PDB file of N, CA and C in Angstrom:
ATOM      1  N   MET A   1     -39.758   5.839  27.672  1.00  0.00           N
ATOM      2  CA  MET A   1     -40.774   4.827  27.800  1.00  0.00           C
ATOM      3  C   MET A   1     -40.202   3.430  27.541  1.00  0.00           C
ATOM      4  N   LEU A   2     -39.348   3.291  26.517  1.00  0.00           N
ATOM      5  CA  LEU A   2     -38.740   2.001  26.200  1.00  0.00           C
ATOM      6  C   LEU A   2     -37.866   1.517  27.342  1.00  0.00           C
ATOM      7  N   LYS A   3     -37.135   2.448  27.960  1.00  0.00           N
ATOM      8  CA  LYS A   3     -36.287   2.076  29.086  1.00  0.00           C
ATOM      9  C   LYS A   3     -37.139   1.571  30.250  1.00  0.00           C
ATOM     10  N   ASN A   4     -38.271   2.210  30.488  1.00  0.00           N
ATOM     11  CA  ASN A   4     -39.175   1.781  31.544  1.00  0.00           C
ATOM     12  C   ASN A   4     -39.757   0.402  31.230  1.00  0.00           C
ATOM     13  N   LEU A   5     -40.063   0.159  29.965  1.00  0.00           N
ATOM     14  CA  LEU A   5     -40.580  -1.140  29.557  1.00  0.00           C
ATOM     15  C   LEU A   5     -39.548  -2.236  29.794  1.00  0.00           C
ATOM     16  N   LYS A   6     -38.298  -1.959  29.472  1.00  0.00           N
ATOM     17  CA  LYS A   6     -37.221  -2.926  29.719  1.00  0.00           C
ATOM     18  C   LYS A   6     -37.065  -3.198  31.211  1.00  0.00           C
ATOM     19  N   LYS A   7     -37.175  -2.151  32.001  1.00  0.00           N
ATOM     20  CA  LYS A   7     -37.055  -2.307  33.449  1.00  0.00           C
ATOM     21  C   LYS A   7     -38.194  -3.165  33.995  1.00  0.00           C
ATOM     22  N   GLU A   8     -39.399  -2.972  33.489  1.00  0.00           N
ATOM     23  CA  GLU A   8     -40.544  -3.758  33.938  1.00  0.00           C
ATOM     24  C   GLU A   8     -40.381  -5.230  33.541  1.00  0.00           C
ATOM     25  N   ILE A   9     -39.890  -5.480  32.341  1.00  0.00           N
ATOM     26  CA  ILE A   9     -39.660  -6.854  31.896  1.00  0.00           C
ATOM     27  C   ILE A   9     -38.623  -7.525  32.783  1.00  0.00           C
ATOM     28  N   ALA A  10     -37.557  -6.805  33.083  1.00  0.00           N
ATOM     29  CA  ALA A  10     -36.516  -7.353  33.961  1.00  0.00           C
ATOM     30  C   ALA A  10     -37.065  -7.611  35.357  1.00  0.00           C
ATOM     31  N   ALA A  11     -37.892  -6.698  35.862  1.00  0.00           N
ATOM     32  CA  ALA A  11     -38.482  -6.877  37.186  1.00  0.00           C
ATOM     33  C   ALA A  11     -39.432  -8.077  37.193  1.00  0.00           C
ATOM     34  N   LEU A  12     -40.173  -8.257  36.121  1.00  0.00           N
ATOM     35  CA  LEU A  12     -41.049  -9.420  36.030  1.00  0.00           C
ATOM     36  C   LEU A  12     -40.239 -10.713  36.005  1.00  0.00           C
ATOM     37  N   TYR A  13     -39.155 -10.703  35.267  1.00  0.00           N
ATOM     38  CA  TYR A  13     -38.283 -11.884  35.223  1.00  0.00           C
ATOM     39  C   TYR A  13     -37.785 -12.233  36.629  1.00  0.00           C
ATOM     40  N   LEU A  14     -37.330 -11.218  37.354  1.00  0.00           N
ATOM     41  CA  LEU A  14     -36.859 -11.447  38.718  1.00  0.00           C
ATOM     42  C   LEU A  14     -37.988 -11.935  39.624  1.00  0.00           C
ATOM     43  N   ALA A  15     -39.177 -11.406  39.419  1.00  0.00           N
ATOM     44  CA  ALA A  15     -40.323 -11.830  40.228  1.00  0.00           C
ATOM     45  C   ALA A  15     -40.666 -13.296  39.964  1.00  0.00           C
ATOM     46  N   SER A  16     -40.462 -13.741  38.744  1.00  0.00           N
ATOM     47  CA  SER A  16     -40.788 -15.136  38.416  1.00  0.00           C
ATOM     48  C   SER A  16     -39.885 -16.124  39.139  1.00  0.00           C
ATOM     49  N   LYS A  17     -38.727 -15.666  39.601  1.00  0.00           N
ATOM     50  CA  LYS A  17     -37.777 -16.529  40.301  1.00  0.00           C
ATOM     51  C   LYS A  17     -38.053 -16.614  41.800  1.00  0.00           C
ATOM     52  N   ARG A  18     -38.964 -15.798  42.280  1.00  0.00           N
ATOM     53  CA  ARG A  18     -39.223 -15.736  43.727  1.00  0.00           C
ATOM     54  C   ARG A  18     -40.253 -16.778  44.144  1.00  0.00           C
ATOM     55  N   ASP A  19     -40.073 -17.288  45.354  1.00  0.00           N
ATOM     56  CA  ASP A  19     -41.000 -18.284  45.901  1.00  0.00           C
ATOM     57  C   ASP A  19     -42.295 -17.672  46.423  1.00  0.00           C
ATOM     58  N   ASP A  20     -42.276 -16.379  46.734  1.00  0.00           N
ATOM     59  CA  ASP A  20     -43.460 -15.746  47.302  1.00  0.00           C
ATOM     60  C   ASP A  20     -44.404 -15.163  46.250  1.00  0.00           C
ATOM     61  N   VAL A  21     -44.160 -15.476  44.976  1.00  0.00           N
ATOM     62  CA  VAL A  21     -45.052 -15.055  43.895  1.00  0.00           C
ATOM     63  C   VAL A  21     -45.941 -16.257  43.563  1.00  0.00           C
ATOM     64  N   PRO A  22     -47.257 -16.052  43.444  1.00  0.00           N
ATOM     65  CA  PRO A  22     -48.168 -17.174  43.162  1.00  0.00           C
ATOM     66  C   PRO A  22     -47.821 -17.883  41.842  1.00  0.00           C
ATOM     67  N   TRP A  23     -48.112 -19.162  41.768  1.00  0.00           N
ATOM     68  CA  TRP A  23     -47.760 -19.962  40.595  1.00  0.00           C
ATOM     69  C   TRP A  23     -48.441 -19.452  39.328  1.00  0.00           C
ATOM     70  N   TYR A  24     -49.711 -19.020  39.430  1.00  0.00           N
ATOM     71  CA  TYR A  24     -50.423 -18.531  38.244  1.00  0.00           C
ATOM     72  C   TYR A  24     -49.802 -17.240  37.729  1.00  0.00           C
ATOM     73  N   ALA A  25     -49.273 -16.429  38.627  1.00  0.00           N
ATOM     74  CA  ALA A  25     -48.578 -15.213  38.208  1.00  0.00           C
ATOM     75  C   ALA A  25     -47.279 -15.582  37.491  1.00  0.00           C
ATOM     76  N   LYS A  26     -46.600 -16.605  37.985  1.00  0.00           N
ATOM     77  CA  LYS A  26     -45.360 -17.051  37.347  1.00  0.00           C
ATOM     78  C   LYS A  26     -45.609 -17.540  35.931  1.00  0.00           C
ATOM     79  N   VAL A  27     -46.710 -18.231  35.712  1.00  0.00           N
ATOM     80  CA  VAL A  27     -47.045 -18.709  34.367  1.00  0.00           C
ATOM     81  C   VAL A  27     -47.243 -17.529  33.425  1.00  0.00           C
ATOM     82  N   VAL A  28     -48.018 -16.551  33.861  1.00  0.00           N
ATOM     83  CA  VAL A  28     -48.266 -15.363  33.035  1.00  0.00           C
ATOM     84  C   VAL A  28     -46.961 -14.604  32.803  1.00  0.00           C
ATOM     85  N   ILE A  29     -46.161 -14.453  33.845  1.00  0.00           N
ATOM     86  CA  ILE A  29     -44.885 -13.738  33.731  1.00  0.00           C
ATOM     87  C   ILE A  29     -43.973 -14.423  32.722  1.00  0.00           C
ATOM     88  N   LEU A  30     -43.859 -15.736  32.820  1.00  0.00           N
ATOM     89  CA  LEU A  30     -42.974 -16.461  31.903  1.00  0.00           C
ATOM     90  C   LEU A  30     -43.436 -16.337  30.455  1.00  0.00           C
ATOM     91  N   LEU A  31     -44.740 -16.340  30.228  1.00  0.00           N
ATOM     92  CA  LEU A  31     -45.245 -16.144  28.867  1.00  0.00           C
ATOM     93  C   LEU A  31     -44.914 -14.751  28.349  1.00  0.00           C
ATOM     94  N   ILE A  32     -45.149 -13.746  29.180  1.00  0.00           N
ATOM     95  CA  ILE A  32     -44.907 -12.357  28.766  1.00  0.00           C
ATOM     96  C   ILE A  32     -43.415 -12.092  28.567  1.00  0.00           C
ATOM     97  N   VAL A  33     -42.604 -12.477  29.549  1.00  0.00           N
ATOM     98  CA  VAL A  33     -41.159 -12.239  29.452  1.00  0.00           C
ATOM     99  C   VAL A  33     -40.566 -13.056  28.307  1.00  0.00           C
ATOM    100  N   GLY A  34     -41.014 -14.295  28.152  1.00  0.00           N
ATOM    101  CA  GLY A  34     -40.543 -15.120  27.050  1.00  0.00           C
ATOM    102  C   GLY A  34     -40.843 -14.490  25.706  1.00  0.00           C
ATOM    103  N   TYR A  35     -42.053 -13.958  25.567  1.00  0.00           N
ATOM    104  CA  TYR A  35     -42.423 -13.308  24.317  1.00  0.00           C
ATOM    105  C   TYR A  35     -41.637 -12.011  24.108  1.00  0.00           C
ATOM    106  N   ALA A  36     -41.464 -11.256  25.174  1.00  0.00           N
ATOM    107  CA  ALA A  36     -40.735  -9.985  25.063  1.00  0.00           C
ATOM    108  C   ALA A  36     -39.278 -10.204  24.678  1.00  0.00           C
ATOM    109  N   LEU A  37     -38.667 -11.259  25.197  1.00  0.00           N
ATOM    110  CA  LEU A  37     -37.253 -11.511  24.924  1.00  0.00           C
ATOM    111  C   LEU A  37     -37.026 -12.404  23.710  1.00  0.00           C
ATOM    112  N   SER A  38     -38.094 -12.893  23.134  1.00  0.00           N
ATOM    113  CA  SER A  38     -37.970 -13.768  21.974  1.00  0.00           C
ATOM    114  C   SER A  38     -37.405 -12.983  20.788  1.00  0.00           C
ATOM    115  N   PRO A  39     -36.469 -13.580  20.064  1.00  0.00           N
ATOM    116  CA  PRO A  39     -35.931 -12.897  18.883  1.00  0.00           C
ATOM    117  C   PRO A  39     -36.913 -12.885  17.715  1.00  0.00           C
ATOM    118  N   ILE A  40     -38.021 -13.589  17.832  1.00  0.00           N
ATOM    119  CA  ILE A  40     -39.011 -13.675  16.760  1.00  0.00           C
ATOM    120  C   ILE A  40     -40.352 -13.216  17.306  1.00  0.00           C
ATOM    121  N   ASP A  41     -41.029 -12.344  16.558  1.00  0.00           N
ATOM    122  CA  ASP A  41     -42.342 -11.841  16.958  1.00  0.00           C
ATOM    123  C   ASP A  41     -43.437 -12.753  16.422  1.00  0.00           C
ATOM    124  N   LEU A  42     -44.555 -12.828  17.126  1.00  0.00           N
ATOM    125  CA  LEU A  42     -45.706 -13.573  16.650  1.00  0.00           C
ATOM    126  C   LEU A  42     -46.235 -12.932  15.372  1.00  0.00           C
ATOM    127  N   ILE A  43     -46.280 -11.614  15.356  1.00  0.00           N
ATOM    128  CA  ILE A  43     -46.649 -10.863  14.159  1.00  0.00           C
ATOM    129  C   ILE A  43     -45.374 -10.181  13.672  1.00  0.00           C
ATOM    130  N   PRO A  44     -44.798 -10.632  12.538  1.00  0.00           N
ATOM    131  CA  PRO A  44     -43.531 -10.046  12.066  1.00  0.00           C
ATOM    132  C   PRO A  44     -43.650  -8.539  11.822  1.00  0.00           C
ATOM    133  N   ASP A  45     -42.574  -7.815  12.126  1.00  0.00           N
ATOM    134  CA  ASP A  45     -42.585  -6.353  12.019  1.00  0.00           C
ATOM    135  C   ASP A  45     -42.712  -5.850  10.581  1.00  0.00           C
ATOM    136  N   PHE A  46     -42.404  -6.683   9.593  1.00  0.00           N
ATOM    137  CA  PHE A  46     -42.483  -6.205   8.208  1.00  0.00           C
ATOM    138  C   PHE A  46     -43.922  -6.145   7.693  1.00  0.00           C
ATOM    139  N   ILE A  47     -44.885  -6.692   8.417  1.00  0.00           N
ATOM    140  CA  ILE A  47     -46.290  -6.585   8.035  1.00  0.00           C
ATOM    141  C   ILE A  47     -46.769  -5.186   8.434  1.00  0.00           C
ATOM    142  N   PRO A  48     -47.230  -4.389   7.454  1.00  0.00           N
ATOM    143  CA  PRO A  48     -47.621  -3.006   7.754  1.00  0.00           C
ATOM    144  C   PRO A  48     -48.661  -2.927   8.870  1.00  0.00           C
ATOM    145  N   VAL A  49     -48.491  -2.007   9.757  1.00  0.00           N
ATOM    146  CA  VAL A  49     -49.340  -1.674  10.889  1.00  0.00           C
ATOM    147  C   VAL A  49     -49.426  -2.823  11.899  1.00  0.00           C
ATOM    148  N   LEU A  50     -49.866  -3.993  11.472  1.00  0.00           N
ATOM    149  CA  LEU A  50     -50.024  -5.129  12.394  1.00  0.00           C
ATOM    150  C   LEU A  50     -48.694  -5.589  12.967  1.00  0.00           C
ATOM    151  N   GLY A  51     -47.608  -5.390  12.237  1.00  0.00           N
ATOM    152  CA  GLY A  51     -46.302  -5.850  12.682  1.00  0.00           C
ATOM    153  C   GLY A  51     -45.851  -5.221  13.986  1.00  0.00           C
ATOM    154  N   TYR A  52     -46.241  -3.994  14.200  1.00  0.00           N
ATOM    155  CA  TYR A  52     -45.851  -3.310  15.431  1.00  0.00           C
ATOM    156  C   TYR A  52     -46.940  -3.352  16.492  1.00  0.00           C
ATOM    157  N   LEU A  53     -48.052  -3.993  16.175  1.00  0.00           N
ATOM    158  CA  LEU A  53     -49.171  -4.076  17.109  1.00  0.00           C
ATOM    159  C   LEU A  53     -48.756  -4.759  18.403  1.00  0.00           C
ATOM    160  N   ASP A  54     -47.978  -5.841  18.298  1.00  0.00           N
ATOM    161  CA  ASP A  54     -47.572  -6.545  19.515  1.00  0.00           C
ATOM    162  C   ASP A  54     -46.622  -5.712  20.350  1.00  0.00           C
ATOM    163  N   ASP A  55     -45.752  -4.954  19.712  1.00  0.00           N
ATOM    164  CA  ASP A  55     -44.798  -4.125  20.443  1.00  0.00           C
ATOM    165  C   ASP A  55     -45.460  -2.922  21.105  1.00  0.00           C
ATOM    166  N   ILE A  56     -46.491  -2.395  20.485  1.00  0.00           N
ATOM    167  CA  ILE A  56     -47.114  -1.167  20.962  1.00  0.00           C
ATOM    168  C   ILE A  56     -48.293  -1.425  21.899  1.00  0.00           C
ATOM    169  N   ILE A  57     -49.056  -2.483  21.626  1.00  0.00           N
ATOM    170  CA  ILE A  57     -50.281  -2.704  22.388  1.00  0.00           C
ATOM    171  C   ILE A  57     -50.248  -4.001  23.201  1.00  0.00           C
ATOM    172  N   ILE A  58     -50.012  -5.116  22.539  1.00  0.00           N
ATOM    173  CA  ILE A  58     -50.143  -6.421  23.192  1.00  0.00           C
ATOM    174  C   ILE A  58     -49.142  -6.597  24.327  1.00  0.00           C
ATOM    175  N   LEU A  59     -47.883  -6.293  24.073  1.00  0.00           N
ATOM    176  CA  LEU A  59     -46.852  -6.479  25.090  1.00  0.00           C
ATOM    177  C   LEU A  59     -47.077  -5.595  26.323  1.00  0.00           C
ATOM    178  N   PRO A  60     -47.330  -4.293  26.172  1.00  0.00           N
ATOM    179  CA  PRO A  60     -47.602  -3.478  27.368  1.00  0.00           C
ATOM    180  C   PRO A  60     -48.832  -3.926  28.158  1.00  0.00           C
ATOM    181  N   ILE A  61     -49.876  -4.376  27.459  1.00  0.00           N
ATOM    182  CA  ILE A  61     -51.070  -4.864  28.165  1.00  0.00           C
ATOM    183  C   ILE A  61     -50.730  -6.130  28.941  1.00  0.00           C
ATOM    184  N   GLY A  62     -49.959  -7.021  28.327  1.00  0.00           N
ATOM    185  CA  GLY A  62     -49.541  -8.235  29.026  1.00  0.00           C
ATOM    186  C   GLY A  62     -48.689  -7.928  30.239  1.00  0.00           C
ATOM    187  N   ILE A  63     -47.801  -6.960  30.111  1.00  0.00           N
ATOM    188  CA  ILE A  63     -46.946  -6.553  31.238  1.00  0.00           C
ATOM    189  C   ILE A  63     -47.798  -5.982  32.365  1.00  0.00           C
ATOM    190  N   MET A  64     -48.756  -5.129  32.027  1.00  0.00           N
ATOM    191  CA  MET A  64     -49.630  -4.549  33.056  1.00  0.00           C
ATOM    192  C   MET A  64     -50.435  -5.634  33.760  1.00  0.00           C
ATOM    193  N   PHE A  65     -50.920  -6.610  33.000  1.00  0.00           N
ATOM    194  CA  PHE A  65     -51.686  -7.701  33.591  1.00  0.00           C
ATOM    195  C   PHE A  65     -50.822  -8.523  34.548  1.00  0.00           C
ATOM    196  N   ALA A  66     -49.595  -8.828  34.127  1.00  0.00           N
ATOM    197  CA  ALA A  66     -48.683  -9.609  34.976  1.00  0.00           C
ATOM    198  C   ALA A  66     -48.336  -8.842  36.252  1.00  0.00           C
ATOM    199  N   ILE A  67     -48.123  -7.549  36.127  1.00  0.00           N
ATOM    200  CA  ILE A  67     -47.787  -6.730  37.298  1.00  0.00           C
ATOM    201  C   ILE A  67     -48.922  -6.740  38.313  1.00  0.00           C
ATOM    202  N   ARG A  68     -50.160  -6.745  37.843  1.00  0.00           N
ATOM    203  CA  ARG A  68     -51.313  -6.760  38.758  1.00  0.00           C
ATOM    204  C   ARG A  68     -51.413  -8.058  39.555  1.00  0.00           C
ATOM    205  N   LEU A  69     -50.792  -9.131  39.052  1.00  0.00           N
ATOM    206  CA  LEU A  69     -50.850 -10.418  39.735  1.00  0.00           C
ATOM    207  C   LEU A  69     -49.811 -10.556  40.846  1.00  0.00           C
ATOM    208  N   ILE A  70     -48.879  -9.598  40.904  1.00  0.00           N
ATOM    209  CA  ILE A  70     -47.783  -9.660  41.870  1.00  0.00           C
ATOM    210  C   ILE A  70     -48.052  -8.656  42.988  1.00  0.00           C
ATOM    211  N   PRO A  71     -47.864  -9.062  44.250  1.00  0.00           N
ATOM    212  CA  PRO A  71     -48.011  -8.094  45.344  1.00  0.00           C
ATOM    213  C   PRO A  71     -47.089  -6.882  45.140  1.00  0.00           C
ATOM    214  N   LYS A  72     -47.573  -5.708  45.496  1.00  0.00           N
ATOM    215  CA  LYS A  72     -46.848  -4.453  45.234  1.00  0.00           C
ATOM    216  C   LYS A  72     -45.469  -4.410  45.881  1.00  0.00           C
ATOM    217  N   ASN A  73     -45.341  -4.893  47.094  1.00  0.00           N
ATOM    218  CA  ASN A  73     -44.044  -4.830  47.760  1.00  0.00           C
ATOM    219  C   ASN A  73     -43.018  -5.720  47.045  1.00  0.00           C
ATOM    220  N   ILE A  74     -43.445  -6.860  46.557  1.00  0.00           N
ATOM    221  CA  ILE A  74     -42.535  -7.741  45.813  1.00  0.00           C
ATOM    222  C   ILE A  74     -42.138  -7.090  44.494  1.00  0.00           C
ATOM    223  N   MET A  75     -43.103  -6.511  43.802  1.00  0.00           N
ATOM    224  CA  MET A  75     -42.805  -5.864  42.514  1.00  0.00           C
ATOM    225  C   MET A  75     -41.852  -4.687  42.712  1.00  0.00           C
ATOM    226  N   ASN A  76     -42.020  -3.918  43.777  1.00  0.00           N
ATOM    227  CA  ASN A  76     -41.114  -2.798  44.044  1.00  0.00           C
ATOM    228  C   ASN A  76     -39.690  -3.277  44.311  1.00  0.00           C
ATOM    229  N   GLU A  77     -39.547  -4.368  45.063  1.00  0.00           N
ATOM    230  CA  GLU A  77     -38.218  -4.937  45.300  1.00  0.00           C
ATOM    231  C   GLU A  77     -37.578  -5.402  43.991  1.00  0.00           C
ATOM    232  N   CYS A  78     -38.366  -6.036  43.153  1.00  0.00           N
ATOM    233  CA  CYS A  78     -37.846  -6.530  41.871  1.00  0.00           C
ATOM    234  C   CYS A  78     -37.468  -5.377  40.945  1.00  0.00           C
ATOM    235  N   ARG A  79     -38.217  -4.295  40.985  1.00  0.00           N
ATOM    236  CA  ARG A  79     -37.869  -3.117  40.174  1.00  0.00           C
ATOM    237  C   ARG A  79     -36.523  -2.544  40.600  1.00  0.00           C
ATOM    238  N   GLU A  80     -36.288  -2.502  41.906  1.00  0.00           N
ATOM    239  CA  GLU A  80     -34.999  -2.002  42.399  1.00  0.00           C
ATOM    240  C   GLU A  80     -33.848  -2.899  41.935  1.00  0.00           C
ATOM    241  N   GLN A  81     -34.062  -4.208  41.964  1.00  0.00           N
ATOM    242  CA  GLN A  81     -33.020  -5.149  41.557  1.00  0.00           C
ATOM    243  C   GLN A  81     -32.799  -5.148  40.044  1.00  0.00           C
ATOM    244  N   SER A  82     -33.782  -4.716  39.283  1.00  0.00           N
ATOM    245  CA  SER A  82     -33.711  -4.811  37.823  1.00  0.00           C
ATOM    246  C   SER A  82     -32.956  -3.657  37.151  1.00  0.00           C
ATOM    247  N   GLU A  83     -32.453  -2.735  37.924  1.00  0.00           N
ATOM    248  CA  GLU A  83     -31.799  -1.551  37.351  1.00  0.00           C
ATOM    249  C   GLU A  83     -30.714  -1.890  36.322  1.00  0.00           C
ATOM    250  N   ASN A  84     -29.926  -2.905  36.572  1.00  0.00           N
ATOM    251  CA  ASN A  84     -28.768  -3.174  35.718  1.00  0.00           C
ATOM    252  C   ASN A  84     -28.834  -4.501  34.963  1.00  0.00           C
ATOM    253  N   ILE A  85     -29.985  -5.109  34.899  1.00  0.00           N
ATOM    254  CA  ILE A  85     -30.066  -6.434  34.298  1.00  0.00           C
ATOM    255  C   ILE A  85     -29.829  -6.423  32.775  1.00  0.00           C
ATOM    256  N   PHE A  86     -30.135  -5.319  32.097  1.00  0.00           N
ATOM    257  CA  PHE A  86     -29.961  -5.239  30.650  1.00  0.00           C
ATOM    258  C   PHE A  86     -28.670  -4.529  30.243  1.00  0.00           C
ATOM    259  N   LYS A  87     -27.749  -4.338  31.147  1.00  0.00           N
ATOM    260  CA  LYS A  87     -26.512  -3.620  30.823  1.00  0.00           C
ATOM    261  C   LYS A  87     -25.703  -4.307  29.725  1.00  0.00           C
ATOM    262  N   ASN A  88     -25.697  -5.644  29.704  1.00  0.00           N
ATOM    263  CA  ASN A  88     -24.904  -6.379  28.719  1.00  0.00           C
ATOM    264  C   ASN A  88     -25.713  -6.791  27.505  1.00  0.00           C
ATOM    265  N   GLY A  89     -26.763  -6.090  27.202  1.00  0.00           N
ATOM    266  CA  GLY A  89     -27.598  -6.416  26.055  1.00  0.00           C
ATOM    267  C   GLY A  89     -28.818  -7.207  26.461  1.00  0.00           C
ATOM    268  N   ARG A  90     -29.641  -7.442  25.494  1.00  0.00           N
ATOM    269  CA  ARG A  90     -30.893  -8.138  25.724  1.00  0.00           C
ATOM    270  C   ARG A  90     -30.668  -9.646  25.699  1.00  0.00           C
ATOM    271  N   PRO A  91     -31.067 -10.351  26.774  1.00  0.00           N
ATOM    272  CA  PRO A  91     -30.950 -11.807  26.737  1.00  0.00           C
ATOM    273  C   PRO A  91     -31.936 -12.391  25.727  1.00  0.00           C
ATOM    274  N   LYS A  92     -31.613 -13.526  25.163  1.00  0.00           N
ATOM    275  CA  LYS A  92     -32.468 -14.172  24.176  1.00  0.00           C
ATOM    276  C   LYS A  92     -33.204 -15.337  24.808  1.00  0.00           C
ATOM    277  N   ASN A  93     -34.418 -15.546  24.375  1.00  0.00           N
ATOM    278  CA  ASN A  93     -35.203 -16.676  24.842  1.00  0.00           C
ATOM    279  C   ASN A  93     -35.511 -17.550  23.637  1.00  0.00           C
ATOM    280  N   TRP A  94     -34.692 -18.554  23.415  1.00  0.00           N
ATOM    281  CA  TRP A  94     -34.829 -19.407  22.233  1.00  0.00           C
ATOM    282  C   TRP A  94     -35.998 -20.372  22.369  1.00  0.00           C
ATOM    283  N   ILE A  95     -36.412 -20.687  23.575  1.00  0.00           N
ATOM    284  CA  ILE A  95     -37.574 -21.557  23.747  1.00  0.00           C
ATOM    285  C   ILE A  95     -38.827 -20.839  23.251  1.00  0.00           C
ATOM    286  N   ALA A  96     -38.990 -19.595  23.643  1.00  0.00           N
ATOM    287  CA  ALA A  96     -40.138 -18.820  23.173  1.00  0.00           C
ATOM    288  C   ALA A  96     -40.080 -18.638  21.666  1.00  0.00           C
ATOM    289  N   ALA A  97     -38.885 -18.436  21.126  1.00  0.00           N
ATOM    290  CA  ALA A  97     -38.737 -18.295  19.676  1.00  0.00           C
ATOM    291  C   ALA A  97     -39.160 -19.578  18.975  1.00  0.00           C
ATOM    292  N   SER A  98     -38.797 -20.716  19.532  1.00  0.00           N
ATOM    293  CA  SER A  98     -39.165 -22.003  18.942  1.00  0.00           C
ATOM    294  C   SER A  98     -40.676 -22.200  18.952  1.00  0.00           C
ATOM    295  N   ILE A  99     -41.322 -21.794  20.036  1.00  0.00           N
ATOM    296  CA  ILE A  99     -42.777 -21.910  20.121  1.00  0.00           C
ATOM    297  C   ILE A  99     -43.444 -21.030  19.074  1.00  0.00           C
ATOM    298  N   ILE A 100     -42.929 -19.815  18.895  1.00  0.00           N
ATOM    299  CA  ILE A 100     -43.498 -18.902  17.904  1.00  0.00           C
ATOM    300  C   ILE A 100     -43.290 -19.446  16.491  1.00  0.00           C
ATOM    301  N   ILE A 101     -42.118 -20.007  16.220  1.00  0.00           N
ATOM    302  CA  ILE A 101     -41.868 -20.615  14.912  1.00  0.00           C
ATOM    303  C   ILE A 101     -42.845 -21.768  14.683  1.00  0.00           C
ATOM    304  N   LEU A 102     -43.063 -22.579  15.706  1.00  0.00           N
ATOM    305  CA  LEU A 102     -44.004 -23.690  15.599  1.00  0.00           C
ATOM    306  C   LEU A 102     -45.414 -23.196  15.291  1.00  0.00           C
ATOM    307  N   ILE A 103     -45.838 -22.133  15.954  1.00  0.00           N
ATOM    308  CA  ILE A 103     -47.166 -21.559  15.690  1.00  0.00           C
ATOM    309  C   ILE A 103     -47.272 -21.105  14.246  1.00  0.00           C
ATOM    310  N   TRP A 104     -46.246 -20.421  13.742  1.00  0.00           N
ATOM    311  CA  TRP A 104     -46.249 -19.971  12.349  1.00  0.00           C
ATOM    312  C   TRP A 104     -46.268 -21.150  11.388  1.00  0.00           C
ATOM    313  N   MET A 105     -45.534 -22.212  11.700  1.00  0.00           N
ATOM    314  CA  MET A 105     -45.516 -23.388  10.834  1.00  0.00           C
ATOM    315  C   MET A 105     -46.901 -24.038  10.788  1.00  0.00           C
ATOM    316  N   ILE A 106     -47.581 -24.096  11.923  1.00  0.00           N
ATOM    317  CA  ILE A 106     -48.928 -24.659  11.958  1.00  0.00           C
ATOM    318  C   ILE A 106     -49.888 -23.807  11.137  1.00  0.00           C
ATOM    319  N   ILE A 107     -49.788 -22.491  11.269  1.00  0.00           N
ATOM    320  CA  ILE A 107     -50.658 -21.585  10.506  1.00  0.00           C
ATOM    321  C   ILE A 107     -50.414 -21.732   9.011  1.00  0.00           C
ATOM    322  N   VAL A 108     -49.153 -21.728   8.603  1.00  0.00           N
ATOM    323  CA  VAL A 108     -48.819 -21.847   7.178  1.00  0.00           C
ATOM    324  C   VAL A 108     -49.279 -23.195   6.637  1.00  0.00           C
ATOM    325  N   THR A 109     -49.076 -24.256   7.401  1.00  0.00           N
ATOM    326  CA  THR A 109     -49.511 -25.589   6.976  1.00  0.00           C
ATOM    327  C   THR A 109     -51.026 -25.631   6.835  1.00  0.00           C
ATOM    328  N   TYR A 110     -51.732 -25.093   7.796  1.00  0.00           N
ATOM    329  CA  TYR A 110     -53.191 -25.067   7.747  1.00  0.00           C
ATOM    330  C   TYR A 110     -53.688 -24.304   6.515  1.00  0.00           C
ATOM    331  N   ILE A 111     -53.113 -23.142   6.278  1.00  0.00           N
ATOM    332  CA  ILE A 111     -53.516 -22.340   5.115  1.00  0.00           C
ATOM    333  C   ILE A 111     -53.184 -23.076   3.820  1.00  0.00           C
ATOM    334  N   SER A 112     -52.016 -23.681   3.763  1.00  0.00           N
ATOM    335  CA  SER A 112     -51.607 -24.415   2.559  1.00  0.00           C
ATOM    336  C   SER A 112     -52.543 -25.579   2.270  1.00  0.00           C
ATOM    337  N   ILE A 113     -52.871 -26.338   3.290  1.00  0.00           N
ATOM    338  CA  ILE A 113     -53.783 -27.483   3.102  1.00  0.00           C
ATOM    339  C   ILE A 113     -55.137 -27.016   2.612  1.00  0.00           C
ATOM    340  N   ASN A 114     -55.636 -25.932   3.199  1.00  0.00           N
ATOM    341  CA  ASN A 114     -56.950 -25.428   2.795  1.00  0.00           C
ATOM    342  C   ASN A 114     -56.914 -24.820   1.402  1.00  0.00           C
ATOM    343  N   LEU A 115     -55.823 -24.175   1.014  1.00  0.00           N
ATOM    344  CA  LEU A 115     -55.718 -23.622  -0.328  1.00  0.00           C
ATOM    345  C   LEU A 115     -55.649 -24.718  -1.377  1.00  0.00           C
ATOM    346  N   PHE A 116     -54.892 -25.768  -1.111  1.00  0.00           N
ATOM    347  CA  PHE A 116     -54.746 -26.847  -2.065  1.00  0.00           C
ATOM    348  C   PHE A 116     -56.009 -27.692  -2.158  1.00  0.00           C
ATOM    349  N   SER A 117     -56.813 -27.726  -1.113  1.00  0.00           N
ATOM    350  CA  SER A 117     -58.062 -28.494  -1.175  1.00  0.00           C
ATOM    351  C   SER A 117     -59.111 -27.790  -2.015  1.00  0.00           C
ATOM    352  N   ILE A 118     -58.960 -26.486  -2.190  1.00  0.00           N
ATOM    353  CA  ILE A 118     -59.902 -25.727  -3.019  1.00  0.00           C
ATOM    354  C   ILE A 118     -59.686 -26.067  -4.493  1.00  0.00           C
ATOM    355  N   PHE A 119     -58.430 -26.232  -4.862  1.00  0.00           N
ATOM    356  CA  PHE A 119     -58.123 -26.500  -6.260  1.00  0.00           C
ATOM    357  C   PHE A 119     -58.240 -27.950  -6.495  1.00  0.00           C
TER     358      PHE A 119
END
């Protein structure tokens, strides 16, 4: 199953580079692929149960949604091309990681401000 998930992510990445994929699909694809390849999770894995929620539920649902936005013939071509894209390891997406870090910083700052205003 994990190998199939990697293949789908690679196929989505390839689909995002094509001119015949609609722009709105490309936006969704870039968000999903960026999150999947990000070295940092929105919900850290060390948080019990919730930490793996994104890996088990959120990411596959996002992938399925992105796949539905792409014409079937294009997605099939991209799946064929994606066979060997992960041979040299998982590529990193530092832009997505930076966005996730920024989101966490905003959340922590918001919580800190609200906690200190109580006291």
